[in-house]
Amino acid sequence: IRYAKEGHYDGTVIYRVAPGFVIQMGSYEPGGSSRPTHQ
């Protein structure tokens, strides 16, 4: 919730797609750079 309310996820991408397993997302932007995170 902290990350969501900070807008951390907005504008990032779903960067991992493994059919039959998972889709993963979080901190990576379309260009491939990663946003800073908390502890």
PDB file of all heavy atoms in Angstrom:
ATOM      1  N   ILE A   1       0.833  -1.204   0.000  1.00  0.00           N
ATOM      2  CA  ILE A   1       0.000   0.000   0.000  1.00  0.00           C
ATOM      3  C   ILE A   1       0.869   1.256   0.000  1.00  0.00           C
ATOM      4  O   ILE A   1       0.560   2.244  -0.680  1.00  0.00           O
ATOM      5  CB  ILE A   1      -0.959  -0.012   1.201  1.00  0.00           C
ATOM      6  CG1 ILE A   1      -2.032  -1.096   1.004  1.00  0.00           C
ATOM      7  CG2 ILE A   1      -1.608   1.356   1.400  1.00  0.00           C
ATOM      8  CD1 ILE A   1      -2.959  -1.266   2.192  1.00  0.00           C
ATOM      9  N   ARG A   2       1.953   1.222   0.737  1.00  0.00           N
ATOM     10  CA  ARG A   2       2.864   2.373   0.779  1.00  0.00           C
ATOM     11  C   ARG A   2       3.382   2.696  -0.624  1.00  0.00           C
ATOM     12  O   ARG A   2       3.316   3.849  -1.071  1.00  0.00           O
ATOM     13  CB  ARG A   2       4.036   2.071   1.714  1.00  0.00           C
ATOM     14  CG  ARG A   2       5.081   3.178   1.786  1.00  0.00           C
ATOM     15  CD  ARG A   2       6.269   2.733   2.627  1.00  0.00           C
ATOM     16  NE  ARG A   2       7.207   3.824   2.852  1.00  0.00           N
ATOM     17  CZ  ARG A   2       8.364   3.686   3.513  1.00  0.00           C
ATOM     18  NH1 ARG A   2       8.697   2.501   4.016  1.00  0.00           N
ATOM     19  NH2 ARG A   2       9.161   4.712   3.670  1.00  0.00           N
ATOM     20  N   TYR A   3       3.864   1.670  -1.321  1.00  0.00           N
ATOM     21  CA  TYR A   3       4.370   1.896  -2.679  1.00  0.00           C
ATOM     22  C   TYR A   3       3.266   2.392  -3.603  1.00  0.00           C
ATOM     23  O   TYR A   3       3.470   3.292  -4.422  1.00  0.00           O
ATOM     24  CB  TYR A   3       4.976   0.615  -3.241  1.00  0.00           C
ATOM     25  CG  TYR A   3       6.376   0.320  -2.768  1.00  0.00           C
ATOM     26  CD1 TYR A   3       6.637  -0.746  -1.908  1.00  0.00           C
ATOM     27  CD2 TYR A   3       7.458   1.095  -3.187  1.00  0.00           C
ATOM     28  CE1 TYR A   3       7.924  -1.024  -1.474  1.00  0.00           C
ATOM     29  CE2 TYR A   3       8.753   0.829  -2.759  1.00  0.00           C
ATOM     30  CZ  TYR A   3       8.984  -0.235  -1.904  1.00  0.00           C
ATOM     31  OH  TYR A   3      10.262  -0.513  -1.480  1.00  0.00           O
ATOM     32  N   ALA A   4       2.088   1.785  -3.499  1.00  0.00           N
ATOM     33  CA  ALA A   4       0.973   2.169  -4.372  1.00  0.00           C
ATOM     34  C   ALA A   4       0.581   3.626  -4.148  1.00  0.00           C
ATOM     35  O   ALA A   4       0.384   4.383  -5.112  1.00  0.00           O
ATOM     36  CB  ALA A   4      -0.221   1.251  -4.140  1.00  0.00           C
ATOM     37  N   LYS A   5       0.472   4.043  -2.898  1.00  0.00           N
ATOM     38  CA  LYS A   5       0.060   5.411  -2.595  1.00  0.00           C
ATOM     39  C   LYS A   5       1.138   6.425  -2.972  1.00  0.00           C
ATOM     40  O   LYS A   5       0.830   7.589  -3.228  1.00  0.00           O
ATOM     41  CB  LYS A   5      -0.318   5.531  -1.117  1.00  0.00           C
ATOM     42  CG  LYS A   5      -1.632   4.829  -0.779  1.00  0.00           C
ATOM     43  CD  LYS A   5      -2.083   5.109   0.637  1.00  0.00           C
ATOM     44  CE  LYS A   5      -3.478   4.534   0.892  1.00  0.00           C
ATOM     45  NZ  LYS A   5      -3.939   4.818   2.265  1.00  0.00           N
ATOM     46  N   GLU A   6       2.374   5.981  -2.997  1.00  0.00           N
ATOM     47  CA  GLU A   6       3.464   6.861  -3.424  1.00  0.00           C
ATOM     48  C   GLU A   6       3.524   6.996  -4.951  1.00  0.00           C
ATOM     49  O   GLU A   6       4.298   7.804  -5.462  1.00  0.00           O
ATOM     50  CB  GLU A   6       4.799   6.332  -2.911  1.00  0.00           C
ATOM     51  CG  GLU A   6       4.984   6.465  -1.409  1.00  0.00           C
ATOM     52  CD  GLU A   6       6.265   5.823  -0.904  1.00  0.00           C
ATOM     53  OE1 GLU A   6       6.903   5.058  -1.670  1.00  0.00           O
ATOM     54  OE2 GLU A   6       6.636   6.080   0.262  1.00  0.00           O
ATOM     55  N   GLY A   7       2.739   6.173  -5.657  1.00  0.00           N
ATOM     56  CA  GLY A   7       2.771   6.208  -7.115  1.00  0.00           C
ATOM     57  C   GLY A   7       3.944   5.457  -7.708  1.00  0.00           C
ATOM     58  O   GLY A   7       4.250   5.604  -8.892  1.00  0.00           O
ATOM     59  N   HIS A   8       4.567   4.617  -6.881  1.00  0.00           N
ATOM     60  CA  HIS A   8       5.767   3.900  -7.321  1.00  0.00           C
ATOM     61  C   HIS A   8       5.491   3.012  -8.540  1.00  0.00           C
ATOM     62  O   HIS A   8       6.326   2.920  -9.440  1.00  0.00           O
ATOM     63  CB  HIS A   8       6.294   3.041  -6.165  1.00  0.00           C
ATOM     64  CG  HIS A   8       7.494   2.218  -6.517  1.00  0.00           C
ATOM     65  ND1 HIS A   8       8.787   2.691  -6.399  1.00  0.00           N
ATOM     66  CD2 HIS A   8       7.605   0.954  -6.995  1.00  0.00           C
ATOM     67  CE1 HIS A   8       9.632   1.751  -6.782  1.00  0.00           C
ATOM     68  NE2 HIS A   8       8.940   0.683  -7.144  1.00  0.00           N
ATOM     69  N   TYR A   9       4.323   2.371  -8.561  1.00  0.00           N
ATOM     70  CA  TYR A   9       4.022   1.424  -9.633  1.00  0.00           C
ATOM     71  C   TYR A   9       3.526   2.086 -10.914  1.00  0.00           C
ATOM     72  O   TYR A   9       3.584   1.478 -11.985  1.00  0.00           O
ATOM     73  CB  TYR A   9       2.970   0.418  -9.147  1.00  0.00           C
ATOM     74  CG  TYR A   9       3.413  -0.428  -7.979  1.00  0.00           C
ATOM     75  CD1 TYR A   9       2.685  -0.443  -6.783  1.00  0.00           C
ATOM     76  CD2 TYR A   9       4.556  -1.213  -8.050  1.00  0.00           C
ATOM     77  CE1 TYR A   9       3.079  -1.227  -5.712  1.00  0.00           C
ATOM     78  CE2 TYR A   9       4.961  -1.990  -6.979  1.00  0.00           C
ATOM     79  CZ  TYR A   9       4.220  -1.996  -5.813  1.00  0.00           C
ATOM     80  OH  TYR A   9       4.631  -2.773  -4.750  1.00  0.00           O
ATOM     81  N   ASP A  10       3.051   3.304 -10.810  1.00  0.00           N
ATOM     82  CA  ASP A  10       2.453   3.981 -11.959  1.00  0.00           C
ATOM     83  C   ASP A  10       3.511   4.261 -13.028  1.00  0.00           C
ATOM     84  O   ASP A  10       4.523   4.921 -12.769  1.00  0.00           O
ATOM     85  CB  ASP A  10       1.799   5.288 -11.527  1.00  0.00           C
ATOM     86  CG  ASP A  10       0.757   5.083 -10.434  1.00  0.00           C
ATOM     87  OD1 ASP A  10       0.385   3.921 -10.168  1.00  0.00           O
ATOM     88  OD2 ASP A  10       0.324   6.093  -9.838  1.00  0.00           O
ATOM     89  N   GLY A  11       3.271   3.756 -14.225  1.00  0.00           N
ATOM     90  CA  GLY A  11       4.215   3.977 -15.312  1.00  0.00           C
ATOM     91  C   GLY A  11       5.297   2.919 -15.434  1.00  0.00           C
ATOM     92  O   GLY A  11       6.155   3.012 -16.309  1.00  0.00           O
ATOM     93  N   THR A  12       5.246   1.912 -14.557  1.00  0.00           N
ATOM     94  CA  THR A  12       6.201   0.802 -14.676  1.00  0.00           C
ATOM     95  C   THR A  12       5.592  -0.278 -15.584  1.00  0.00           C
ATOM     96  O   THR A  12       4.473  -0.147 -16.054  1.00  0.00           O
ATOM     97  CB  THR A  12       6.538   0.202 -13.303  1.00  0.00           C
ATOM     98  OG1 THR A  12       5.333  -0.295 -12.691  1.00  0.00           O
ATOM     99  CG2 THR A  12       7.170   1.245 -12.389  1.00  0.00           C
ATOM    100  N   VAL A  13       6.357  -1.342 -15.815  1.00  0.00           N
ATOM    101  CA  VAL A  13       5.888  -2.381 -16.735  1.00  0.00           C
ATOM    102  C   VAL A  13       5.820  -3.745 -16.057  1.00  0.00           C
ATOM    103  O   VAL A  13       6.451  -3.983 -15.025  1.00  0.00           O
ATOM    104  CB  VAL A  13       6.806  -2.487 -17.976  1.00  0.00           C
ATOM    105  CG1 VAL A  13       6.770  -1.212 -18.792  1.00  0.00           C
ATOM    106  CG2 VAL A  13       8.244  -2.843 -17.565  1.00  0.00           C
ATOM    107  N   ILE A  14       5.017  -4.613 -16.657  1.00  0.00           N
ATOM    108  CA  ILE A  14       5.028  -6.030 -16.275  1.00  0.00           C
ATOM    109  C   ILE A  14       6.179  -6.638 -17.063  1.00  0.00           C
ATOM    110  O   ILE A  14       6.080  -6.853 -18.264  1.00  0.00           O
ATOM    111  CB  ILE A  14       3.671  -6.683 -16.606  1.00  0.00           C
ATOM    112  CG1 ILE A  14       2.582  -6.019 -15.741  1.00  0.00           C
ATOM    113  CG2 ILE A  14       3.718  -8.193 -16.346  1.00  0.00           C
ATOM    114  CD1 ILE A  14       1.178  -6.440 -16.083  1.00  0.00           C
ATOM    115  N   TYR A  15       7.289  -6.846 -16.393  1.00  0.00           N
ATOM    116  CA  TYR A  15       8.534  -7.159 -17.088  1.00  0.00           C
ATOM    117  C   TYR A  15       8.845  -8.646 -17.199  1.00  0.00           C
ATOM    118  O   TYR A  15       9.816  -9.027 -17.847  1.00  0.00           O
ATOM    119  CB  TYR A  15       9.704  -6.449 -16.408  1.00  0.00           C
ATOM    120  CG  TYR A  15       9.833  -6.711 -14.921  1.00  0.00           C
ATOM    121  CD1 TYR A  15      10.367  -7.894 -14.430  1.00  0.00           C
ATOM    122  CD2 TYR A  15       9.427  -5.750 -13.997  1.00  0.00           C
ATOM    123  CE1 TYR A  15      10.480  -8.123 -13.071  1.00  0.00           C
ATOM    124  CE2 TYR A  15       9.535  -5.963 -12.636  1.00  0.00           C
ATOM    125  CZ  TYR A  15      10.076  -7.161 -12.184  1.00  0.00           C
ATOM    126  OH  TYR A  15      10.190  -7.391 -10.825  1.00  0.00           O
ATOM    127  N   ARG A  16       8.034  -9.479 -16.566  1.00  0.00           N
ATOM    128  CA  ARG A  16       8.252 -10.918 -16.680  1.00  0.00           C
ATOM    129  C   ARG A  16       6.931 -11.609 -16.992  1.00  0.00           C
ATOM    130  O   ARG A  16       5.961 -11.446 -16.267  1.00  0.00           O
ATOM    131  CB  ARG A  16       8.836 -11.488 -15.386  1.00  0.00           C
ATOM    132  CG  ARG A  16       9.146 -12.984 -15.456  1.00  0.00           C
ATOM    133  CD  ARG A  16       9.571 -13.529 -14.111  1.00  0.00           C
ATOM    134  NE  ARG A  16      10.052 -14.891 -14.196  1.00  0.00           N
ATOM    135  CZ  ARG A  16      10.363 -15.653 -13.147  1.00  0.00           C
ATOM    136  NH1 ARG A  16      10.239 -15.170 -11.918  1.00  0.00           N
ATOM    137  NH2 ARG A  16      10.797 -16.888 -13.311  1.00  0.00           N
ATOM    138  N   VAL A  17       6.923 -12.384 -18.060  1.00  0.00           N
ATOM    139  CA  VAL A  17       5.760 -13.173 -18.427  1.00  0.00           C
ATOM    140  C   VAL A  17       6.216 -14.607 -18.658  1.00  0.00           C
ATOM    141  O   VAL A  17       6.960 -14.893 -19.591  1.00  0.00           O
ATOM    142  CB  VAL A  17       5.084 -12.623 -19.697  1.00  0.00           C
ATOM    143  CG1 VAL A  17       4.056 -13.613 -20.226  1.00  0.00           C
ATOM    144  CG2 VAL A  17       4.411 -11.279 -19.417  1.00  0.00           C
ATOM    145  N   ALA A  18       5.804 -15.476 -17.769  1.00  0.00           N
ATOM    146  CA  ALA A  18       6.145 -16.898 -17.861  1.00  0.00           C
ATOM    147  C   ALA A  18       4.837 -17.675 -17.915  1.00  0.00           C
ATOM    148  O   ALA A  18       4.265 -17.992 -16.861  1.00  0.00           O
ATOM    149  CB  ALA A  18       6.993 -17.327 -16.676  1.00  0.00           C
ATOM    150  N   PRO A  19       4.314 -17.969 -19.104  1.00  0.00           N
ATOM    151  CA  PRO A  19       3.029 -18.668 -19.228  1.00  0.00           C
ATOM    152  C   PRO A  19       2.974 -19.945 -18.407  1.00  0.00           C
ATOM    153  O   PRO A  19       3.931 -20.715 -18.372  1.00  0.00           O
ATOM    154  CB  PRO A  19       2.948 -18.962 -20.730  1.00  0.00           C
ATOM    155  CG  PRO A  19       3.774 -17.887 -21.367  1.00  0.00           C
ATOM    156  CD  PRO A  19       4.919 -17.676 -20.409  1.00  0.00           C
ATOM    157  N   GLY A  20       1.858 -20.141 -17.711  1.00  0.00           N
ATOM    158  CA  GLY A  20       1.709 -21.312 -16.866  1.00  0.00           C
ATOM    159  C   GLY A  20       2.434 -21.204 -15.540  1.00  0.00           C
ATOM    160  O   GLY A  20       2.410 -22.130 -14.728  1.00  0.00           O
ATOM    161  N   PHE A  21       3.049 -20.044 -15.282  1.00  0.00           N
ATOM    162  CA  PHE A  21       3.797 -19.859 -14.035  1.00  0.00           C
ATOM    163  C   PHE A  21       3.398 -18.541 -13.373  1.00  0.00           C
ATOM    164  O   PHE A  21       2.546 -18.525 -12.481  1.00  0.00           O
ATOM    165  CB  PHE A  21       5.288 -19.924 -14.308  1.00  0.00           C
ATOM    166  CG  PHE A  21       6.158 -19.845 -13.083  1.00  0.00           C
ATOM    167  CD1 PHE A  21       5.850 -20.585 -11.941  1.00  0.00           C
ATOM    168  CD2 PHE A  21       7.286 -19.028 -13.056  1.00  0.00           C
ATOM    169  CE1 PHE A  21       6.651 -20.519 -10.794  1.00  0.00           C
ATOM    170  CE2 PHE A  21       8.094 -18.962 -11.928  1.00  0.00           C
ATOM    171  CZ  PHE A  21       7.774 -19.701 -10.803  1.00  0.00           C
ATOM    172  N   VAL A  22       3.979 -17.420 -13.807  1.00  0.00           N
ATOM    173  CA  VAL A  22       3.680 -16.129 -13.183  1.00  0.00           C
ATOM    174  C   VAL A  22       3.796 -14.987 -14.191  1.00  0.00           C
ATOM    175  O   VAL A  22       4.411 -15.129 -15.249  1.00  0.00           O
ATOM    176  CB  VAL A  22       4.643 -15.812 -12.007  1.00  0.00           C
ATOM    177  CG1 VAL A  22       4.600 -16.886 -10.943  1.00  0.00           C
ATOM    178  CG2 VAL A  22       6.070 -15.603 -12.512  1.00  0.00           C
ATOM    179  N   ILE A  23       3.196 -13.833 -13.820  1.00  0.00           N
ATOM    180  CA  ILE A  23       3.574 -12.554 -14.406  1.00  0.00           C
ATOM    181  C   ILE A  23       4.113 -11.721 -13.246  1.00  0.00           C
ATOM    182  O   ILE A  23       3.610 -11.808 -12.130  1.00  0.00           O
ATOM    183  CB  ILE A  23       2.409 -11.843 -15.122  1.00  0.00           C
ATOM    184  CG1 ILE A  23       1.271 -11.490 -14.151  1.00  0.00           C
ATOM    185  CG2 ILE A  23       1.886 -12.673 -16.281  1.00  0.00           C
ATOM    186  CD1 ILE A  23       0.227 -10.564 -14.763  1.00  0.00           C
ATOM    187  N   GLN A  24       5.158 -10.937 -13.520  1.00  0.00           N
ATOM    188  CA  GLN A  24       5.849 -10.215 -12.438  1.00  0.00           C
ATOM    189  C   GLN A  24       6.046  -8.759 -12.810  1.00  0.00           C
ATOM    190  O   GLN A  24       6.229  -8.407 -13.968  1.00  0.00           O
ATOM    191  CB  GLN A  24       7.204 -10.876 -12.162  1.00  0.00           C
ATOM    192  CG  GLN A  24       7.945 -10.311 -10.963  1.00  0.00           C
ATOM    193  CD  GLN A  24       9.145 -11.172 -10.584  1.00  0.00           C
ATOM    194  OE1 GLN A  24       9.070 -12.400 -10.599  1.00  0.00           O
ATOM    195  NE2 GLN A  24      10.254 -10.540 -10.260  1.00  0.00           N
ATOM    196  N   MET A  25       6.016  -7.903 -11.786  1.00  0.00           N
ATOM    197  CA  MET A  25       6.088  -6.463 -11.998  1.00  0.00           C
ATOM    198  C   MET A  25       6.601  -5.779 -10.732  1.00  0.00           C
ATOM    199  O   MET A  25       6.804  -6.431  -9.718  1.00  0.00           O
ATOM    200  CB  MET A  25       4.706  -5.934 -12.368  1.00  0.00           C
ATOM    201  CG  MET A  25       3.646  -6.159 -11.288  1.00  0.00           C
ATOM    202  SD  MET A  25       1.968  -6.505 -11.896  1.00  0.00           S
ATOM    203  CE  MET A  25       2.068  -8.285 -12.160  1.00  0.00           C
ATOM    204  N   GLY A  26       6.792  -4.450 -10.810  1.00  0.00           N
ATOM    205  CA  GLY A  26       7.204  -3.737  -9.604  1.00  0.00           C
ATOM    206  C   GLY A  26       7.884  -2.416  -9.834  1.00  0.00           C
ATOM    207  O   GLY A  26       7.289  -1.368  -9.592  1.00  0.00           O
ATOM    208  N   SER A  27       9.136  -2.418 -10.296  1.00  0.00           N
ATOM    209  CA  SER A  27       9.927  -1.188 -10.269  1.00  0.00           C
ATOM    210  C   SER A  27      10.558  -0.787 -11.595  1.00  0.00           C
ATOM    211  O   SER A  27      11.246   0.230 -11.652  1.00  0.00           O
ATOM    212  CB  SER A  27      11.049  -1.319  -9.228  1.00  0.00           C
ATOM    213  OG  SER A  27      10.532  -1.561  -7.939  1.00  0.00           O
ATOM    214  N   TYR A  28      10.357  -1.577 -12.657  1.00  0.00           N
ATOM    215  CA  TYR A  28      11.065  -1.296 -13.907  1.00  0.00           C
ATOM    216  C   TYR A  28      10.222  -0.475 -14.873  1.00  0.00           C
ATOM    217  O   TYR A  28       9.043  -0.746 -15.091  1.00  0.00           O
ATOM    218  CB  TYR A  28      11.513  -2.599 -14.578  1.00  0.00           C
ATOM    219  CG  TYR A  28      12.685  -3.221 -13.854  1.00  0.00           C
ATOM    220  CD1 TYR A  28      12.476  -4.025 -12.730  1.00  0.00           C
ATOM    221  CD2 TYR A  28      13.990  -2.971 -14.250  1.00  0.00           C
ATOM    222  CE1 TYR A  28      13.550  -4.573 -12.043  1.00  0.00           C
ATOM    223  CE2 TYR A  28      15.067  -3.522 -13.571  1.00  0.00           C
ATOM    224  CZ  TYR A  28      14.842  -4.316 -12.465  1.00  0.00           C
ATOM    225  OH  TYR A  28      15.894  -4.854 -11.769  1.00  0.00           O
ATOM    226  N   GLU A  29      10.858   0.528 -15.457  1.00  0.00           N
ATOM    227  CA  GLU A  29      10.215   1.406 -16.416  1.00  0.00           C
ATOM    228  C   GLU A  29      10.352   0.837 -17.825  1.00  0.00           C
ATOM    229  O   GLU A  29      11.168  -0.065 -18.060  1.00  0.00           O
ATOM    230  CB  GLU A  29      10.831   2.802 -16.315  1.00  0.00           C
ATOM    231  CG  GLU A  29      10.630   3.437 -14.938  1.00  0.00           C
ATOM    232  CD  GLU A  29      11.255   4.815 -14.811  1.00  0.00           C
ATOM    233  OE1 GLU A  29      12.070   5.181 -15.703  1.00  0.00           O
ATOM    234  OE2 GLU A  29      10.931   5.518 -13.845  1.00  0.00           O
ATOM    235  N   PRO A  30       9.562   1.327 -18.790  1.00  0.00           N
ATOM    236  CA  PRO A  30       9.615   0.793 -20.148  1.00  0.00           C
ATOM    237  C   PRO A  30      11.010   0.783 -20.759  1.00  0.00           C
ATOM    238  O   PRO A  30      11.344  -0.107 -21.559  1.00  0.00           O
ATOM    239  CB  PRO A  30       8.670   1.726 -20.919  1.00  0.00           C
ATOM    240  CG  PRO A  30       7.678   2.171 -19.897  1.00  0.00           C
ATOM    241  CD  PRO A  30       8.477   2.319 -18.635  1.00  0.00           C
ATOM    242  N   GLY A  31      11.837   1.740 -20.393  1.00  0.00           N
ATOM    243  CA  GLY A  31      13.192   1.793 -20.940  1.00  0.00           C
ATOM    244  C   GLY A  31      14.162   0.829 -20.299  1.00  0.00           C
ATOM    245  O   GLY A  31      15.306   0.700 -20.750  1.00  0.00           O
ATOM    246  N   GLY A  32      13.728   0.170 -19.225  1.00  0.00           N
ATOM    247  CA  GLY A  32      14.583  -0.809 -18.567  1.00  0.00           C
ATOM    248  C   GLY A  32      15.210  -0.341 -17.276  1.00  0.00           C
ATOM    249  O   GLY A  32      15.776  -1.148 -16.536  1.00  0.00           O
ATOM    250  N   SER A  33      15.097   0.953 -16.957  1.00  0.00           N
ATOM    251  CA  SER A  33      15.679   1.446 -15.712  1.00  0.00           C
ATOM    252  C   SER A  33      14.791   1.082 -14.532  1.00  0.00           C
ATOM    253  O   SER A  33      13.576   0.934 -14.671  1.00  0.00           O
ATOM    254  CB  SER A  33      15.886   2.959 -15.774  1.00  0.00           C
ATOM    255  OG  SER A  33      14.651   3.621 -16.000  1.00  0.00           O
ATOM    256  N   SER A  34      15.411   0.941 -13.356  1.00  0.00           N
ATOM    257  CA  SER A  34      14.699   0.535 -12.155  1.00  0.00           C
ATOM    258  C   SER A  34      14.515   1.713 -11.204  1.00  0.00           C
ATOM    259  O   SER A  34      15.434   2.515 -11.009  1.00  0.00           O
ATOM    260  CB  SER A  34      15.463  -0.578 -11.442  1.00  0.00           C
ATOM    261  OG  SER A  34      14.804  -0.965 -10.256  1.00  0.00           O
ATOM    262  N   ARG A  35      13.336   1.816 -10.624  1.00  0.00           N
ATOM    263  CA  ARG A  35      13.076   2.880  -9.669  1.00  0.00           C
ATOM    264  C   ARG A  35      13.628   2.512  -8.291  1.00  0.00           C
ATOM    265  O   ARG A  35      13.654   1.336  -7.920  1.00  0.00           O
ATOM    266  CB  ARG A  35      11.577   3.137  -9.567  1.00  0.00           C
ATOM    267  CG  ARG A  35      10.977   3.675 -10.857  1.00  0.00           C
ATOM    268  CD  ARG A  35       9.505   3.976 -10.736  1.00  0.00           C
ATOM    269  NE  ARG A  35       8.995   4.548 -11.985  1.00  0.00           N
ATOM    270  CZ  ARG A  35       7.741   4.914 -12.197  1.00  0.00           C
ATOM    271  NH1 ARG A  35       6.833   4.742 -11.223  1.00  0.00           N
ATOM    272  NH2 ARG A  35       7.368   5.430 -13.354  1.00  0.00           N
ATOM    273  N   PRO A  36      14.045   3.506  -7.506  1.00  0.00           N
ATOM    274  CA  PRO A  36      14.555   3.228  -6.161  1.00  0.00           C
ATOM    275  C   PRO A  36      13.459   2.684  -5.254  1.00  0.00           C
ATOM    276  O   PRO A  36      12.281   3.009  -5.421  1.00  0.00           O
ATOM    277  CB  PRO A  36      15.064   4.589  -5.682  1.00  0.00           C
ATOM    278  CG  PRO A  36      14.304   5.590  -6.497  1.00  0.00           C
ATOM    279  CD  PRO A  36      14.096   4.953  -7.837  1.00  0.00           C
ATOM    280  N   THR A  37      13.852   1.872  -4.299  1.00  0.00           N
ATOM    281  CA  THR A  37      12.895   1.253  -3.386  1.00  0.00           C
ATOM    282  C   THR A  37      13.268   1.532  -1.938  1.00  0.00           C
ATOM    283  O   THR A  37      14.374   1.979  -1.635  1.00  0.00           O
ATOM    284  CB  THR A  37      12.841  -0.272  -3.593  1.00  0.00           C
ATOM    285  OG1 THR A  37      14.155  -0.827  -3.391  1.00  0.00           O
ATOM    286  CG2 THR A  37      12.365  -0.613  -5.002  1.00  0.00           C
ATOM    287  N   HIS A  38      12.332   1.233  -1.047  1.00  0.00           N
ATOM    288  CA  HIS A  38      12.584   1.355   0.387  1.00  0.00           C
ATOM    289  C   HIS A  38      13.354   0.125   0.874  1.00  0.00           C
ATOM    290  O   HIS A  38      13.645  -0.793   0.101  1.00  0.00           O
ATOM    291  CB  HIS A  38      11.256   1.474   1.138  1.00  0.00           C
ATOM    292  CG  HIS A  38      10.470   2.695   0.769  1.00  0.00           C
ATOM    293  ND1 HIS A  38      10.890   3.977   1.049  1.00  0.00           N
ATOM    294  CD2 HIS A  38       9.270   2.824   0.125  1.00  0.00           C
ATOM    295  CE1 HIS A  38       9.997   4.845   0.611  1.00  0.00           C
ATOM    296  NE2 HIS A  38       9.009   4.175   0.042  1.00  0.00           N
ATOM    297  N   GLN A  39      13.637   0.106   2.161  1.00  0.00           N
ATOM    298  CA  GLN A  39      14.333  -1.025   2.756  1.00  0.00           C
ATOM    299  C   GLN A  39      13.490  -2.304   2.629  1.00  0.00           C
ATOM    300  O   GLN A  39      12.251  -2.244   2.634  1.00  0.00           O
ATOM    301  CB  GLN A  39      14.620  -0.753   4.238  1.00  0.00           C
ATOM    302  CG  GLN A  39      15.678   0.322   4.455  1.00  0.00           C
ATOM    303  CD  GLN A  39      17.030  -0.083   3.903  1.00  0.00           C
ATOM    304  OE1 GLN A  39      17.515  -1.189   4.155  1.00  0.00           O
ATOM    305  NE2 GLN A  39      17.646   0.809   3.150  1.00  0.00           N
TER     306      GLN A  39
END
